[in-house]
Amino acid sequence: MSKTSRDELIQDFVAAIRASQTATEMLDSAVANYLGISPTDYRAIDILDQEGPMTAGQLAARARLSPGAITSLVDRLESKGLARRTRDTVDRRRVLIEVTPELREHATELYGTPQDAASGLAHYTDEQLELLTGFLRGSVEFQEERLRRLEEIKGRGSRGASPGPRKGAR
């Protein structure tokens, strides 16, 4: 059996991450299409599902959309029965956006139950799960930093010399 070099391991790892991102984006797109919503609408309900109810302004900031775009987006999600506006129980003047039970039913139908996910992870040790969770959280931080960097570049008005993304760039 040949020993794989560290550079090859790193290249394989990056390729696996990219393949995972592509598969996730393809599934997300297919689910959005099935639900009759745009990928942007899908991302917004995913944010709400992960983080819980929030104001339209908070959702706009998290989804990186304008307040006007969020108003239209929430209207569309409400018309599909996937999200709803509710009054904040602490401050009745505030309106919160939240996912509906119907969305959760769709999610269970399309993605399965938490127990289904757990069965796919059963062969990992607790230590491996901690490592993988740490890696994924670090990956989120890395991607968020790249977004901040992009915003800085856009703010300077610099598009660089390249007409588009480099092959293999992430």
Protein backbone atom coordinates (compact mmCIF):
# COMPACT_ATOMS: atom_id res chain seq x y z
CA MET A 1 0.00 0.00 0.00
CA SER A 2 1.46 3.36 -0.98
CA LYS A 3 1.76 6.17 1.50
CA THR A 4 -0.17 9.28 0.52
CA SER A 5 1.79 12.50 0.90
CA ARG A 6 0.50 15.30 3.08
CA ASP A 7 0.02 17.52 0.01
CA GLU A 8 -2.10 14.80 -1.59
CA LEU A 9 -4.14 14.39 1.59
CA ILE A 10 -4.77 18.13 1.71
CA GLN A 11 -5.76 18.19 -1.97
CA ASP A 12 -8.11 15.24 -1.43
CA PHE A 13 -9.60 16.95 1.62
CA VAL A 14 -10.21 20.22 -0.24
CA ALA A 15 -11.73 18.26 -3.14
CA ALA A 16 -14.04 16.46 -0.70
CA ILE A 17 -15.14 19.78 0.83
CA ARG A 18 -15.86 21.23 -2.61
CA ALA A 19 -17.82 18.13 -3.64
CA SER A 20 -19.80 18.33 -0.39
CA GLN A 21 -20.58 22.01 -1.00
CA THR A 22 -21.73 21.25 -4.54
CA ALA A 23 -23.93 18.37 -3.39
CA THR A 24 -25.43 20.56 -0.65
CA GLU A 25 -26.12 23.40 -3.08
CA MET A 26 -27.73 20.97 -5.54
CA LEU A 27 -29.97 19.50 -2.84
CA ASP A 28 -30.89 22.95 -1.52
CA SER A 29 -31.76 24.07 -5.05
CA ALA A 30 -33.88 20.97 -5.68
CA VAL A 31 -35.73 21.44 -2.37
CA ALA A 32 -36.32 25.14 -3.09
CA ASN A 33 -37.66 24.21 -6.51
CA TYR A 34 -39.93 21.56 -4.96
CA LEU A 35 -41.27 24.12 -2.48
CA GLY A 36 -41.77 26.65 -5.28
CA ILE A 37 -39.40 29.23 -3.83
CA SER A 38 -36.14 30.84 -4.91
CA PRO A 39 -32.74 29.83 -3.53
CA THR A 40 -32.66 33.15 -1.66
CA ASP A 41 -36.04 32.44 -0.07
CA TYR A 42 -34.80 28.97 0.84
CA ARG A 43 -31.68 30.37 2.49
CA ALA A 44 -33.82 32.79 4.54
CA ILE A 45 -36.07 30.03 5.89
CA ASP A 46 -32.99 27.94 6.63
CA ILE A 47 -31.59 30.83 8.69
CA LEU A 48 -34.91 31.15 10.53
CA ASP A 49 -35.08 27.40 11.11
CA GLN A 50 -31.55 27.31 12.51
CA GLU A 51 -31.60 30.49 14.59
CA GLY A 52 -35.26 30.89 15.53
CA PRO A 53 -37.63 33.84 15.24
CA MET A 54 -36.12 37.22 14.45
CA THR A 55 -37.16 40.63 13.22
CA ALA A 56 -37.21 41.42 9.52
CA GLY A 57 -34.18 43.68 10.06
CA GLN A 58 -32.24 40.89 11.74
CA LEU A 59 -33.17 38.48 8.95
CA ALA A 60 -32.13 41.05 6.33
CA ALA A 61 -28.73 41.40 7.98
CA ARG A 62 -28.22 37.63 8.34
CA ALA A 63 -29.33 36.94 4.75
CA ARG A 64 -27.35 39.93 3.46
CA LEU A 65 -30.42 41.47 1.84
CA SER A 66 -31.96 44.94 1.87
CA PRO A 67 -34.96 45.69 4.11
CA GLY A 68 -37.16 46.07 1.02
CA ALA A 69 -36.06 42.71 -0.33
CA ILE A 70 -36.82 41.05 3.00
CA THR A 71 -40.35 42.46 3.06
CA SER A 72 -41.08 40.91 -0.34
CA LEU A 73 -39.32 37.69 0.63
CA VAL A 74 -41.37 37.31 3.82
CA ASP A 75 -44.56 38.05 1.87
CA ARG A 76 -43.67 35.22 -0.54
CA LEU A 77 -42.85 32.79 2.27
CA GLU A 78 -46.10 33.65 4.06
CA SER A 79 -48.12 33.10 0.89
CA LYS A 80 -46.54 29.60 0.62
CA GLY A 81 -47.27 28.85 4.30
CA LEU A 82 -43.57 28.45 5.12
CA ALA A 83 -43.07 31.45 7.42
CA ARG A 84 -45.27 33.82 9.38
CA ARG A 85 -45.15 37.14 11.16
CA THR A 86 -45.93 37.05 14.88
CA ARG A 87 -45.91 39.59 17.68
CA ASP A 88 -43.01 39.46 20.09
CA THR A 89 -44.43 38.27 23.43
CA VAL A 90 -42.03 40.55 25.35
CA ASP A 91 -42.36 43.71 23.22
CA ARG A 92 -45.75 43.68 21.49
CA ARG A 93 -44.60 46.44 19.13
CA ARG A 94 -42.02 44.14 17.54
CA VAL A 95 -42.91 41.72 14.80
CA LEU A 96 -40.93 38.51 14.49
CA ILE A 97 -40.61 36.22 11.51
CA GLU A 98 -40.68 32.49 12.21
CA VAL A 99 -41.01 29.23 10.31
CA THR A 100 -44.35 27.44 10.35
CA PRO A 101 -45.22 23.90 11.42
CA GLU A 102 -45.89 23.24 7.72
CA LEU A 103 -42.25 24.00 6.93
CA ARG A 104 -41.14 21.57 9.63
CA GLU A 105 -43.41 18.90 8.11
CA HIS A 106 -41.83 19.49 4.70
CA ALA A 107 -38.36 19.31 6.26
CA THR A 108 -39.08 15.96 7.90
CA GLU A 109 -40.52 14.62 4.66
CA LEU A 110 -37.58 15.81 2.56
CA TYR A 111 -34.61 15.49 4.92
CA GLY A 112 -35.79 12.88 7.42
CA THR A 113 -35.79 13.03 11.19
CA PRO A 114 -32.94 13.88 13.56
CA GLN A 115 -32.77 10.14 14.27
CA ASP A 116 -32.11 9.54 10.55
CA ALA A 117 -29.15 11.92 10.72
CA ALA A 118 -27.91 10.26 13.89
CA SER A 119 -27.92 6.84 12.24
CA GLY A 120 -25.65 8.18 9.48
CA LEU A 121 -23.17 9.36 12.11
CA ALA A 122 -23.30 6.27 14.34
CA HIS A 123 -19.93 4.91 13.19
CA TYR A 124 -18.04 7.99 14.42
CA THR A 125 -16.66 8.12 17.95
CA ASP A 126 -17.55 11.01 20.25
CA GLU A 127 -14.04 12.40 19.74
CA GLN A 128 -14.40 12.23 15.96
CA LEU A 129 -17.77 14.00 16.13
CA GLU A 130 -16.20 16.73 18.27
CA LEU A 131 -13.39 17.09 15.71
CA LEU A 132 -15.82 17.24 12.78
CA THR A 133 -18.05 19.75 14.57
CA GLY A 134 -15.04 21.92 15.35
CA PHE A 135 -13.92 21.73 11.73
CA LEU A 136 -17.35 22.72 10.41
CA ARG A 137 -17.61 25.64 12.84
CA GLY A 138 -14.16 26.77 11.77
CA SER A 139 -15.23 26.49 8.16
CA VAL A 140 -18.20 28.77 8.83
CA GLU A 141 -15.88 31.32 10.45
CA PHE A 142 -13.54 31.09 7.46
CA GLN A 143 -16.39 31.65 4.98
CA GLU A 144 -17.76 34.58 7.01
CA GLU A 145 -14.30 36.15 7.02
CA ARG A 146 -14.11 35.74 3.23
CA LEU A 147 -17.49 37.50 2.96
CA ARG A 148 -16.19 40.41 5.07
CA ARG A 149 -13.10 40.54 2.89
CA LEU A 150 -15.23 40.63 -0.26
CA GLU A 151 -17.30 43.49 1.19
CA GLU A 152 -14.10 45.43 1.88
CA ILE A 153 -12.89 44.86 -1.67
CA LYS A 154 -16.25 45.91 -3.09
CA GLY A 155 -16.17 49.00 -0.88
CA ARG A 156 -12.85 50.02 -2.38
CA GLY A 157 -14.29 49.60 -5.87
CA SER A 158 -11.57 47.15 -6.82
CA ARG A 159 -12.50 44.16 -8.91
CA GLY A 160 -8.91 43.05 -9.43
CA ALA A 161 -7.26 42.09 -12.68
CA SER A 162 -9.00 38.75 -12.98
CA PRO A 163 -12.25 38.63 -15.02
CA GLY A 164 -13.68 35.89 -12.81
CA PRO A 165 -12.90 33.35 -10.13
CA ARG A 166 -9.76 31.26 -10.54
CA LYS A 167 -10.21 27.58 -11.16
CA GLY A 168 -10.09 25.81 -7.83
CA ALA A 169 -10.63 28.99 -5.81
CA ARG A 170 -13.08 28.87 -2.94
